[in-house]
Amino acid sequence: MSGSTEADTKKVDGAERELNKMLEGLLSEDGVSLARSALIPEEWLRLKRCPKELEAKANDLAKVLLEQLHGHGIYYLAQLQALSMHGQLADVLDCVGVSMQITETFDRLAARNRRKHKVISFLMSLSGNLASMEAMCTNYGLAAALVLTMTFANFGSITHEDWMEYRRNVALHTPKCQALGEANCAPKGIQKSDNIMLDYSRPVFCLTALNTLIDDPAANLTGTDEECCTEVVKCIADKGFEVELFFGFGNGGGTAILLLVVLFTSWLFISLNATKANINRYAEASVLRDRLRQELVLQLLFSIGMIFAFAGMGSVMVLKSETYGISWMLYIIFIAALICSVGFALKTLWEIFHINREIDVMRSDAKDSFDEVVATADKKNVYTMNYFRHTKNASPGLMQAKEALPSADASRASGKATEAKAPSQVTIELERERPAIEPSMQPAKVKRWY
């Protein structure tokens, strides 16, 4: 893996030096964008990957294409770049091969500029063009609006009775509260309640005192037999307060933040279509894209809002559970879902990073499907030449077998030969004298790139 990375790095560095030599005197003072006064060199229109015997035709083609560009009023490299980035170059040149080569050169220039600011390039890679920015606004807005309705609805789903039932069914059974009950009440002779209707498998201390306070919140346990349960009731209240924090911050905070995401995506989408910028002009589209690239803030708000939403929905599930064991099961499920969602996000960022890196290597290597087609054609030519060479030098036995082949076909057509009959001498001779074709000589399938 490290060897491949080092080889790719050397390949990228070598191609970048070649690109820098090609761009000498053509860049502006910032060293990133093309100079406005840089004219289109004829060598940019000359095919670099063509057979040597066709180089003269490639030179003539470059001159014709340059005149064709001048006929369309295209004189500068900046204009050529605008055509290329808008996908209109092939229509103007009417030459696919040269258009692909020029577009590849500009892509390599963009890859070189991105490598100078790797962190910013990675963080700002989710909206590289206006189409992806619009798609990002739509997806984030829809997802945030969907979760927003869920978190807001959670407030209406929990009532006062739900909070009291949570204290009775779940908070009372926590080990900390029961340890206080055993330490304070067991020495005074108070035993655990059977708790048959709630959770008969878990008898608890101080169930009677808790029921008294639920029925009458103003009741005073001081001076009663249940006075030892005061600390247990305080422990239950503390546990309820922890869940209330998750409920309030999760649903309240999640609702507020996701509402900001919905509004932000709406304003951003409106801004993309409300300016005077003409997206059919590359320079104006670039200004619009660079000024409105806010995906880092949008991703941060959306991620925080989703974390809050997970906490709020998990608290609702815990509050609705009837037993202590079920509450823990739901809690673990939501924690696992939160971890999986974080893992999905990191996996997505990891894939984006490696895809961008691989594309940079491919563009810097200056290889595309054209090379694969040429290599496949060369391999096919080698196979054909070897096959005919073997046929020409075949033995007399093979030539006699070929001459006898029509008569054998005629006898089979007349029905004289049967399927169970042993192979004829002609077939044996053909199999013996047939030249062996190595796997490397087999014609590979040409993958279509168009």
Foldseek 3Di string as FASTA:
>chain_A
DVVVVVVLVVLLVVLVVVLCVVCVPQCDPVRQHGDPPAWDDLVLQADPDDDPVCNVVSSVLSVVLQVLCVVVVHTHVVVVVQCLVLVNNCVSSVDVRSSVSNNLSVVLSVLVVCVVPVVVCLLLVQDPFPVSLLVVLVVLLVVLVVLLVVLVVLVVVDDPVLLLLLLLAALQQDPVLQVLQCVQQVVVPFDFDCCVVQDNVGTGPPSVVSVVCVVPVPDDCPPHSSPSSPVSVVSSVVVSVVLVVLQCCLSVVLNVLSVVLNVVSVVLSCQLVVDPQDCSGPVSRVVSSVVSSPVSVSVVSSLVSVVSNLSNVLSSQLSPDRHNVSNVVSNVVSVVVNVVVVVVVVVVSVVSSVVSVVVSSCSSSVDDLVVVVVVLVVLQVVLVVVQVVLVVPFDPLLVVLVVCVVVVVVCVVVPVDDPPDDDDPSVVSNVVGRDDDDPSSDRDDRDDPD
